Amino acid sequence: MKTPTVLAVAAAVAITLAGCAQIPADKQPLARRDIASAELSSNIKLAKEGWPQAQWWTAYHDAQLNAIIKQALAGGPSLEVAAAHIGTARSSLSRSVADLGIAGAVNGNANRQRYSGTGLFPAPIGGAYFTEETLRLDLRYNFDWWGKNRAQVSAAVGELNAGRAEYAEAEQVLAAAIAQSYFRLQGAWARLANTDQLAAAQTALVQDKARRIAQGLANADEQRAAEAELRLTAKQQAALKADIEHEREALRALAGADNTALADLKPVALTATPHALPARLGMELLARRPDLQAARWKLEASLSKIDAAKAAFYPDVNLTGAIGLNSVKAEDLLQLASRTVYIGPSVSLPLFDAKRLDAQLDSARTTRNERIAEYNQTIVEAVRDVAQGGAQLQGIEQQITQQTAATTLARAQLASAQKRLDHGLANNNSVLNARLALLKQQDADLYLQQVQLLAEVALTNALGGGYHEEAPLATAIK
């Protein structure tokens, strides 16, 4: 013969199984792109192979640049948003972890009440006032049989890991932006110094034309042409000075500095570093790009949210209990006879909640598809950025080779003109024109050098800027 307890348990199991709502099928899942197959074209090669190192900017051996980036990474304005996102994700994880295991609360209350003289309780209770006092410890345990709470914790961990990756990305982008702005500033200073020499040479040429006109050896059109070139150089000087002020303010904003900061910045010679490109990308690119890591963790979080949404279709089983004291007299509250004890299970069946659960699961699946699409797009953009950066640097290297040859020829031409002048075989006009030609080639040198530095930083940023995937957080809060 079955006992009432066995019958009750069997009935509870039957009701629980019957209370499961039907989970709709996943009709439109997107496929995740396989990054292992991501490779560069065989036509894109640089002289050196490898990935950027952490604090890659120190390879330029520029104390000013190092100091600016250090100041910015210590608390630049652009990092505050990323740090706030981490704080929000950490709070969400704390809430999710709090739902696991046993939850308890201590409750105490007191109330004074007059019972009706003609109600349920006869005299002496009816018609009298009583003060009821309660002191109770309430406990609740969620069995989480279907893994809903654990899935919510996993989703929160994913969001927190994504936030950490986004912070690393913000640091990387900030360092790259500062380096590029700094190199533009130094490039403008170097070109301005060269342009000042060009203006001086053009001024000397205008004066030489005037003397030659006075001697009947030149015409006014030659002087006008020289003066027009001088005006164009003055225009270039003004533009470079404006660029210098623009980049100084850009640096100040990036570093989060005040109006007096960066006032002591000085021009330094620009030097390129031996830039490198890895022979293979594949899974290594995933570990080296913080934006890819952030996209991956957001996708993992969305998958966990789908698990949680599925678990909501099953009954929710909790065990609740309470132990405490209750008395209508304050002096009796702490007596043994005033104790109260309660324990019992509670089952929540989603029998009439199918539409809401369907909508909740559909929303989670839609978000999952969005995260997959974003992840796939981020992979495509990452490979594109690396390919374009490598191809650009490869092209710049070829341009520099040709430009170096042109500058060498211009320098040889100036030396030849000066030698002829020293031997009385040429006039000063020939030397001035040769000097102008050399200064113009040097301006092209400086411009290409600046472009090369900017392209180096862009490629470094595309390769992850020295980032490497950190160990992911576990479910415990760190």
Protein backbone atom coordinates (compact mmCIF):
# COMPACT_ATOMS: atom_id res chain seq x y z
CA MET A 1 0.00 0.00 0.00
CA LYS A 2 1.37 3.36 -1.01
CA THR A 3 1.86 5.90 1.72
CA PRO A 4 0.38 9.42 1.42
CA THR A 5 3.92 10.85 1.16
CA VAL A 6 4.78 8.68 -1.84
CA LEU A 7 1.50 9.58 -3.49
CA ALA A 8 2.15 13.27 -2.86
CA VAL A 9 5.65 13.10 -4.37
CA ALA A 10 4.36 11.19 -7.40
CA ALA A 11 1.60 13.74 -7.87
CA ALA A 12 4.10 16.59 -7.58
CA VAL A 13 6.38 15.02 -10.21
CA ALA A 14 3.43 14.46 -12.56
CA ILE A 15 2.25 18.04 -12.15
CA THR A 16 5.81 19.32 -12.67
CA LEU A 17 6.27 17.42 -15.91
CA ALA A 18 2.85 18.45 -17.12
CA GLY A 19 3.64 22.06 -16.29
CA CYS A 20 6.46 22.31 -18.86
CA ALA A 21 5.61 24.68 -21.70
CA GLN A 22 6.58 23.63 -25.22
CA ILE A 23 9.83 25.22 -26.45
CA PRO A 24 9.52 26.53 -30.04
CA ALA A 25 12.10 25.40 -32.59
CA ASP A 26 15.01 27.66 -33.57
CA LYS A 27 14.18 28.38 -37.21
CA GLN A 28 16.75 31.00 -38.28
CA PRO A 29 20.13 30.46 -36.61
CA LEU A 30 23.10 32.22 -38.25
CA ALA A 31 26.40 30.45 -38.90
CA ARG A 32 29.50 31.72 -37.12
CA ARG A 33 32.45 32.58 -39.40
CA ASP A 34 35.52 30.41 -38.92
CA ILE A 35 38.43 32.73 -38.19
CA ALA A 36 40.92 29.87 -38.48
CA SER A 37 40.77 30.28 -42.26
CA ALA A 38 41.48 34.02 -42.18
CA GLU A 39 44.69 34.68 -44.11
CA LEU A 40 46.39 37.49 -46.04
CA SER A 41 47.06 37.60 -49.74
CA SER A 42 50.44 36.11 -50.70
CA ASN A 43 51.28 39.42 -52.43
CA ILE A 44 51.39 41.28 -49.11
CA LYS A 45 54.74 40.82 -47.42
CA LEU A 46 57.02 42.97 -45.29
CA ALA A 47 60.68 42.46 -44.52
CA LYS A 48 60.02 41.25 -40.97
CA GLU A 49 57.50 38.80 -39.53
CA GLY A 50 55.85 39.04 -36.13
CA TRP A 51 53.18 40.61 -33.92
CA PRO A 52 53.34 43.92 -32.02
CA GLN A 53 54.72 43.86 -28.50
CA ALA A 54 53.04 45.29 -25.43
CA GLN A 55 53.82 49.02 -25.08
CA TRP A 56 54.90 49.02 -28.72
CA TRP A 57 55.34 52.80 -28.69
CA THR A 58 58.48 52.51 -26.55
CA ALA A 59 60.30 51.09 -29.60
CA TYR A 60 60.48 54.67 -30.98
CA HIS A 61 62.71 55.67 -28.02
CA ASP A 62 60.88 58.98 -27.61
CA ALA A 63 60.53 60.07 -23.99
CA GLN A 64 57.92 62.70 -24.87
CA LEU A 65 55.67 60.18 -26.61
CA ASN A 66 56.06 57.67 -23.77
CA ALA A 67 55.09 60.28 -21.19
CA ILE A 68 51.96 61.39 -23.06
CA ILE A 69 50.68 57.84 -23.55
CA LYS A 70 51.45 56.96 -19.94
CA GLN A 71 49.47 59.96 -18.73
CA ALA A 72 46.52 59.13 -20.99
CA LEU A 73 46.38 55.45 -19.99
CA ALA A 74 46.45 56.45 -16.33
CA GLY A 75 42.97 57.89 -16.68
CA GLY A 76 42.15 59.54 -19.97
CA PRO A 77 38.53 60.63 -20.54
CA SER A 78 37.95 58.04 -23.26
CA LEU A 79 38.73 55.23 -20.80
CA GLU A 80 36.14 56.33 -18.25
CA VAL A 81 33.24 55.09 -20.40
CA ALA A 82 34.85 51.67 -20.82
CA ALA A 83 35.55 51.48 -17.09
CA ALA A 84 31.91 52.34 -16.35
CA HIS A 85 30.78 49.49 -18.62
CA ILE A 86 32.93 47.09 -16.61
CA GLY A 87 31.35 48.33 -13.39
CA THR A 88 27.86 47.79 -14.78
CA ALA A 89 28.74 44.26 -15.93
CA ARG A 90 30.30 43.45 -12.56
CA SER A 91 27.12 44.59 -10.76
CA SER A 92 25.02 42.42 -13.05
CA LEU A 93 27.23 39.42 -12.28
CA SER A 94 26.88 40.09 -8.55
CA ARG A 95 23.09 40.05 -8.85
CA SER A 96 23.15 36.81 -10.85
CA VAL A 97 25.48 35.06 -8.40
CA ALA A 98 23.28 36.18 -5.50
CA ASP A 99 20.40 34.12 -6.94
CA LEU A 100 22.40 30.90 -6.55
CA GLY A 101 22.27 28.77 -3.40
CA ILE A 102 20.53 29.79 -0.20
CA ALA A 103 18.98 33.20 0.31
CA GLY A 104 18.06 34.38 3.76
CA ALA A 105 16.58 37.37 5.51
CA VAL A 106 15.83 38.36 9.09
CA ASN A 107 12.42 39.94 9.57
CA GLY A 108 10.99 41.58 12.64
CA ASN A 109 7.69 43.37 13.09
CA ALA A 110 5.26 44.50 15.75
CA ASN A 111 1.65 45.61 15.41
CA ARG A 112 -1.18 46.50 17.81
CA GLN A 113 -4.67 45.39 16.88
CA ARG A 114 -8.16 45.33 18.42
CA TYR A 115 -10.05 42.14 17.67
CA SER A 116 -13.79 42.42 17.02
CA GLY A 117 -16.03 41.52 19.91
CA THR A 118 -18.52 39.92 17.51
CA GLY A 119 -16.03 38.33 15.13
CA LEU A 120 -14.24 35.01 14.88
CA PHE A 121 -12.57 35.14 18.30
CA PRO A 122 -14.79 35.26 21.42
CA ALA A 123 -13.88 37.06 24.64
CA PRO A 124 -11.44 37.52 26.20
CA ILE A 125 -9.68 37.92 22.78
CA GLY A 126 -12.68 39.51 21.10
CA GLY A 127 -13.13 43.11 22.10
CA ALA A 128 -9.55 43.45 23.44
CA TYR A 129 -6.30 45.00 22.15
CA PHE A 130 -3.21 42.90 21.60
CA THR A 131 0.27 43.71 20.46
CA GLU A 132 1.72 40.96 18.24
CA GLU A 133 5.50 40.74 17.91
CA THR A 134 7.43 38.55 15.47
CA LEU A 135 11.12 37.84 15.01
CA ARG A 136 11.79 35.41 12.12
CA LEU A 137 14.61 34.06 9.94
CA ASP A 138 13.37 33.32 6.41
CA LEU A 139 15.35 31.00 4.12
CA ARG A 140 14.89 30.08 0.47
CA TYR A 141 16.76 27.60 -1.70
CA ASN A 142 16.34 27.44 -5.49
CA PHE A 143 17.21 23.99 -6.81
CA ASP A 144 17.83 25.39 -10.32
CA TRP A 145 17.23 21.95 -11.81
CA TRP A 146 17.04 23.31 -15.33
CA GLY A 147 20.11 25.56 -15.07
CA LYS A 148 18.32 28.90 -15.47
CA ASN A 149 20.27 30.70 -12.77
CA ARG A 150 23.56 29.15 -13.84
CA ALA A 151 22.92 30.28 -17.43
CA GLN A 152 22.22 33.81 -16.20
CA VAL A 153 25.51 33.78 -14.29
CA SER A 154 27.33 32.57 -17.42
CA ALA A 155 25.73 35.37 -19.44
CA ALA A 156 26.82 37.94 -16.84
CA VAL A 157 30.38 36.52 -16.88
CA GLY A 158 30.38 36.83 -20.68
CA GLU A 159 29.30 40.46 -20.48
CA LEU A 160 32.00 41.19 -17.91
CA ASN A 161 34.70 39.53 -20.02
CA ALA A 162 33.45 41.52 -23.01
CA GLY A 163 33.74 44.69 -20.94
CA ARG A 164 37.33 43.87 -20.02
CA ALA A 165 38.18 43.30 -23.69
CA GLU A 166 36.47 46.58 -24.64
CA TYR A 167 38.57 48.39 -22.04
CA ALA A 168 41.72 46.90 -23.57
CA GLU A 169 40.49 48.00 -26.98
CA ALA A 170 39.88 51.53 -25.69
CA GLU A 171 43.45 51.63 -24.35
CA GLN A 172 44.80 50.36 -27.65
CA VAL A 173 42.83 52.86 -29.74
CA LEU A 174 43.83 55.70 -27.43
CA ALA A 175 47.55 54.84 -27.60
CA ALA A 176 47.37 54.59 -31.41
CA ALA A 177 45.51 57.90 -31.71
CA ILE A 178 48.07 59.65 -29.51
CA ALA A 179 51.00 58.20 -31.45
CA GLN A 180 49.53 59.24 -34.79
CA SER A 181 48.72 62.74 -33.57
CA TYR A 182 52.20 63.05 -32.08
CA PHE A 183 53.86 61.94 -35.32
CA ARG A 184 51.75 64.40 -37.30
CA LEU A 185 52.90 67.13 -34.92
CA GLN A 186 56.55 66.16 -35.24
CA GLY A 187 56.17 65.81 -39.01
CA ALA A 188 54.69 69.30 -39.24
CA TRP A 189 57.55 70.71 -37.14
CA ALA A 190 60.16 69.01 -39.35
CA ARG A 191 58.51 70.14 -42.57
CA LEU A 192 58.13 73.69 -41.20
CA ALA A 193 61.88 73.85 -40.45
CA ASN A 194 62.63 72.62 -43.98
CA THR A 195 60.09 75.07 -45.44
CA ASP A 196 61.74 77.93 -43.55
CA GLN A 197 65.01 77.02 -45.28
CA LEU A 198 63.13 76.87 -48.58
CA ALA A 199 61.69 80.35 -48.00
CA ALA A 200 65.15 81.71 -47.20
CA ALA A 201 66.55 80.18 -50.39
CA GLN A 202 63.65 81.59 -52.43
CA THR A 203 64.16 85.03 -50.88
CA ALA A 204 67.82 84.88 -51.88
CA LEU A 205 66.77 83.84 -55.38
CA VAL A 206 64.36 86.79 -55.66
CA GLN A 207 67.17 89.14 -54.59
CA ASP A 208 69.53 87.51 -57.08
CA LYS A 209 66.94 88.02 -59.85
CA ALA A 210 66.69 91.68 -58.91
CA ARG A 211 70.46 92.10 -59.20
CA ARG A 212 70.52 90.28 -62.51
CA ILE A 213 67.70 92.46 -63.84
CA ALA A 214 69.68 95.55 -62.82
CA GLN A 215 72.62 94.16 -64.78
CA GLY A 216 70.44 93.33 -67.76
CA LEU A 217 70.98 89.60 -67.33
CA ALA A 218 67.36 88.68 -66.51
CA ASN A 219 63.86 89.95 -67.12
CA ALA A 220 61.06 90.93 -64.78
CA ASP A 221 59.07 87.79 -65.54
CA GLU A 222 61.78 85.66 -63.95
CA GLN A 223 61.60 87.76 -60.79
CA ARG A 224 57.79 87.56 -60.73
CA ALA A 225 57.97 83.77 -61.07
CA ALA A 226 60.44 83.60 -58.16
CA GLU A 227 58.21 85.87 -56.05
CA ALA A 228 55.16 83.69 -56.82
CA GLU A 229 57.07 80.61 -55.61
CA LEU A 230 57.98 82.49 -52.43
CA ARG A 231 54.29 83.34 -51.86
CA LEU A 232 53.34 79.67 -52.22
CA THR A 233 56.00 78.73 -49.70
CA ALA A 234 54.65 81.35 -47.27
CA LYS A 235 51.22 79.79 -47.71
CA GLN A 236 52.68 76.36 -46.90
CA GLN A 237 54.35 77.80 -43.79
CA ALA A 238 51.03 79.16 -42.56
CA ALA A 239 49.32 75.81 -43.17
CA LEU A 240 52.02 73.91 -41.29
CA LYS A 241 51.81 76.30 -38.33
CA ALA A 242 48.05 75.74 -38.20
CA ASP A 243 48.62 71.98 -38.32
CA ILE A 244 51.03 72.25 -35.38
CA GLU A 245 48.48 74.03 -33.21
CA HIS A 246 45.75 71.64 -34.29
CA GLU A 247 47.76 68.54 -33.34
CA ARG A 248 48.91 70.07 -30.06
CA GLU A 249 45.29 70.58 -29.04
CA ALA A 250 44.38 67.09 -30.28
CA LEU A 251 47.12 65.61 -28.10
CA ARG A 252 45.99 67.62 -25.10
CA ALA A 253 42.43 66.35 -25.50
CA LEU A 254 43.51 62.73 -25.97
CA ALA A 255 45.71 62.84 -22.89
CA GLY A 256 43.06 64.63 -20.84
CA ALA A 257 45.56 67.34 -20.00
CA ASP A 258 44.91 70.95 -18.90
CA ASN A 259 45.70 74.09 -20.86
CA THR A 260 49.25 74.36 -19.51
CA ALA A 261 50.21 70.78 -20.31
CA LEU A 262 52.28 69.83 -23.35
CA ALA A 263 53.60 73.39 -23.56
CA ASP A 264 57.18 72.12 -23.30
CA LEU A 265 56.93 69.65 -26.19
CA LYS A 266 59.92 69.94 -28.48
CA PRO A 267 60.67 68.86 -32.05
CA VAL A 268 62.60 65.59 -32.31
CA ALA A 269 63.88 63.69 -35.31
CA LEU A 270 61.38 61.15 -36.65
CA THR A 271 62.61 57.58 -36.87
CA ALA A 272 60.68 54.60 -38.20
CA THR A 273 60.83 51.21 -36.50
CA PRO A 274 61.29 47.86 -38.28
CA HIS A 275 57.58 47.16 -38.84
CA ALA A 276 56.48 43.54 -39.11
CA LEU A 277 53.59 41.48 -40.43
CA PRO A 278 52.76 37.94 -39.28
CA ALA A 279 53.01 35.21 -41.90
CA ARG A 280 49.70 33.72 -40.73
CA LEU A 281 46.65 35.17 -39.02
CA GLY A 282 44.06 32.49 -38.24
CA MET A 283 43.14 31.91 -34.59
CA GLU A 284 46.07 34.03 -33.44
CA LEU A 285 44.28 37.12 -34.73
CA LEU A 286 41.31 36.27 -32.49
CA ALA A 287 43.54 36.19 -29.43
CA ARG A 288 45.33 39.41 -30.41
CA ARG A 289 42.39 41.66 -31.29
CA PRO A 290 40.45 42.92 -28.24
CA ASP A 291 37.47 43.90 -30.38
CA LEU A 292 37.24 40.31 -31.63
CA GLN A 293 37.42 39.05 -28.06
CA ALA A 294 34.68 41.48 -27.01
CA ALA A 295 32.47 40.34 -29.90
CA ARG A 296 33.13 36.69 -29.03
CA TRP A 297 32.23 37.16 -25.37
CA LYS A 298 29.07 39.06 -26.24
CA LEU A 299 28.10 36.15 -28.47
CA GLU A 300 28.81 33.66 -25.68
CA ALA A 301 26.67 35.75 -23.32
CA SER A 302 23.80 35.76 -25.80
CA LEU A 303 23.99 31.95 -26.06
CA SER A 304 23.76 31.68 -22.26
CA LYS A 305 20.74 33.97 -22.28
CA ILE A 306 19.06 31.59 -24.72
CA ASP A 307 19.73 28.73 -22.27
CA ALA A 308 18.17 30.78 -19.50
CA ALA A 309 15.15 31.59 -21.68
CA LYS A 310 14.70 27.88 -22.46
CA ALA A 311 14.94 26.95 -18.78
CA ALA A 312 12.08 29.35 -18.06
CA PHE A 313 9.77 26.95 -19.92
CA TYR A 314 10.20 24.42 -17.09
CA PRO A 315 8.64 24.63 -13.61
CA ASP A 316 10.50 26.61 -10.99
CA VAL A 317 10.98 24.64 -7.76
CA ASN A 318 12.01 26.32 -4.51
CA LEU A 319 12.29 25.20 -0.91
CA THR A 320 11.28 27.83 1.61
CA GLY A 321 11.44 27.77 5.37
CA ALA A 322 11.29 30.01 8.39
CA ILE A 323 12.13 29.77 12.05
CA GLY A 324 11.38 32.41 14.59
CA LEU A 325 9.38 33.71 17.53
CA ASN A 326 5.83 35.04 17.73
CA SER A 327 3.89 36.33 20.73
CA VAL A 328 1.09 38.73 21.60
CA LYS A 329 2.97 39.73 24.72
CA ALA A 330 6.37 41.30 24.61
CA GLU A 331 7.49 39.58 27.81
CA ASP A 332 6.71 36.15 26.29
CA LEU A 333 8.47 36.68 22.96
CA LEU A 334 11.76 35.05 23.99
CA GLN A 335 10.15 32.02 25.64
CA LEU A 336 10.49 28.55 24.11
CA ALA A 337 6.75 28.27 23.71
CA SER A 338 6.77 31.28 21.31
CA ARG A 339 8.87 29.49 18.68
CA THR A 340 7.49 28.95 15.16
CA VAL A 341 8.86 26.69 12.44
CA TYR A 342 7.84 26.40 8.80
CA ILE A 343 9.32 24.47 5.87
CA GLY A 344 7.82 23.52 2.52
CA PRO A 345 8.39 23.38 -1.22
CA SER A 346 6.94 25.81 -3.74
CA VAL A 347 6.40 25.04 -7.42
CA SER A 348 5.73 27.63 -10.12
CA LEU A 349 4.24 26.14 -13.29
CA PRO A 350 4.38 28.12 -16.57
CA LEU A 351 1.01 26.77 -17.70
CA PHE A 352 -0.52 30.02 -18.91
CA ASP A 353 2.65 31.99 -19.74
CA ALA A 354 3.55 30.47 -23.11
CA LYS A 355 3.23 33.68 -25.15
CA ARG A 356 5.50 35.67 -22.87
CA LEU A 357 8.06 32.85 -22.74
CA ASP A 358 7.94 32.46 -26.54
CA ALA A 359 8.55 36.19 -26.98
CA GLN A 360 11.37 36.13 -24.43
CA LEU A 361 13.09 33.20 -26.17
CA ASP A 362 12.58 34.75 -29.60
CA SER A 363 14.16 37.99 -28.36
CA ALA A 364 17.16 36.06 -27.00
CA ARG A 365 17.58 34.22 -30.31
CA THR A 366 17.31 37.46 -32.28
CA THR A 367 19.99 39.00 -30.08
CA ARG A 368 22.13 35.90 -30.67
CA ASN A 369 21.81 36.40 -34.44
CA GLU A 370 22.81 40.04 -34.05
CA ARG A 371 25.88 39.05 -32.05
CA ILE A 372 26.86 36.43 -34.65
CA ALA A 373 26.46 38.98 -37.44
CA GLU A 374 28.56 41.50 -35.49
CA TYR A 375 31.20 38.88 -34.77
CA ASN A 376 31.37 37.84 -38.43
CA GLN A 377 31.60 41.46 -39.54
CA THR A 378 34.33 42.19 -36.99
CA ILE A 379 36.39 39.29 -38.36
CA VAL A 380 36.02 40.58 -41.92
CA GLU A 381 36.99 44.10 -40.87
CA ALA A 382 39.95 42.85 -38.81
CA VAL A 383 41.43 40.91 -41.73
CA ARG A 384 40.73 43.85 -44.04
CA ASP A 385 42.48 46.29 -41.68
CA VAL A 386 45.59 44.10 -41.51
CA ALA A 387 45.64 43.55 -45.27
CA GLN A 388 45.20 47.23 -46.06
CA GLY A 389 47.83 48.24 -43.49
CA GLY A 390 50.35 45.74 -44.84
CA ALA A 391 49.69 46.73 -48.44
CA GLN A 392 49.99 50.43 -47.62
CA LEU A 393 53.30 50.00 -45.83
CA GLN A 394 54.59 47.84 -48.68
CA GLY A 395 53.70 50.60 -51.15
CA ILE A 396 55.23 53.31 -48.96
CA GLU A 397 58.48 51.37 -48.75
CA GLN A 398 58.64 51.32 -52.54
CA GLN A 399 57.92 55.05 -52.71
CA ILE A 400 60.63 55.77 -50.15
CA THR A 401 63.15 53.80 -52.21
CA GLN A 402 62.41 55.96 -55.27
CA GLN A 403 62.24 59.17 -53.24
CA THR A 404 65.61 58.45 -51.60
CA ALA A 405 67.16 58.06 -55.04
CA ALA A 406 65.62 61.37 -56.17
CA THR A 407 66.97 63.16 -53.09
CA THR A 408 70.41 61.67 -53.64
CA LEU A 409 70.43 63.01 -57.20
CA ALA A 410 69.31 66.46 -56.05
CA ARG A 411 72.07 66.52 -53.43
CA ALA A 412 74.63 65.53 -56.06
CA GLN A 413 73.30 68.26 -58.37
CA LEU A 414 73.73 70.88 -55.64
CA ALA A 415 77.26 69.71 -54.92
CA SER A 416 78.08 69.89 -58.62
CA ALA A 417 76.61 73.40 -58.97
CA GLN A 418 78.53 74.59 -55.90
CA LYS A 419 81.74 73.13 -57.31
CA ARG A 420 81.21 74.88 -60.63
CA LEU A 421 80.52 78.13 -58.82
CA ASP A 422 83.72 77.74 -56.81
CA HIS A 423 85.65 77.33 -60.06
CA GLY A 424 83.92 80.25 -61.76
CA LEU A 425 82.07 78.01 -64.20
CA ALA A 426 78.54 78.86 -62.96
CA ASN A 427 76.71 81.70 -61.26
CA ASN A 428 74.93 81.88 -57.91
CA ASN A 429 71.58 81.46 -59.64
CA SER A 430 72.45 77.85 -60.53
CA VAL A 431 73.41 77.08 -56.93
CA LEU A 432 70.21 78.63 -55.54
CA ASN A 433 68.02 76.67 -57.97
CA ALA A 434 69.84 73.43 -57.06
CA ARG A 435 69.35 74.17 -53.35
CA LEU A 436 65.64 74.79 -53.92
CA ALA A 437 65.35 71.48 -55.75
CA LEU A 438 67.05 69.64 -52.87
CA LEU A 439 64.86 71.30 -50.23
CA LYS A 440 61.74 70.30 -52.16
CA GLN A 441 62.96 66.71 -52.31
CA GLN A 442 63.69 66.81 -48.58
CA ASP A 443 60.12 67.99 -47.96
CA ALA A 444 58.90 64.97 -49.91
CA ASP A 445 61.22 62.80 -47.78
CA LEU A 446 59.76 64.18 -44.57
CA TYR A 447 56.20 63.76 -45.81
CA LEU A 448 56.78 60.11 -46.76
CA GLN A 449 58.48 59.50 -43.43
CA GLN A 450 55.44 60.88 -41.63
CA VAL A 451 53.09 58.80 -43.76
CA GLN A 452 55.17 55.71 -43.02
CA LEU A 453 54.97 56.31 -39.26
CA LEU A 454 51.20 56.79 -39.42
CA ALA A 455 50.86 53.60 -41.45
CA GLU A 456 53.05 51.72 -38.95
CA VAL A 457 50.78 52.73 -36.10
CA ALA A 458 47.67 51.84 -38.11
CA LEU A 459 49.06 48.36 -38.81
CA THR A 460 50.05 47.94 -35.17
CA ASN A 461 46.52 48.85 -34.17
CA ALA A 462 45.08 46.44 -36.75
CA LEU A 463 47.22 43.63 -35.31
CA GLY A 464 45.90 44.23 -31.80
CA GLY A 465 48.45 46.69 -30.46
CA GLY A 466 50.30 44.12 -28.33
CA TYR A 467 47.10 42.79 -26.73
CA HIS A 468 46.85 39.09 -25.97
CA GLU A 469 43.75 37.35 -24.68
CA GLU A 470 43.60 37.39 -20.89
CA ALA A 471 42.43 34.42 -18.87
CA PRO A 472 38.63 34.67 -18.79
CA LEU A 473 36.83 35.21 -15.51
CA ALA A 474 35.19 32.23 -13.83
CA THR A 475 31.77 32.49 -12.26
CA ALA A 476 33.30 33.78 -9.03
CA ILE A 477 33.56 37.54 -8.75
CA LYS A 478 37.15 38.77 -8.88
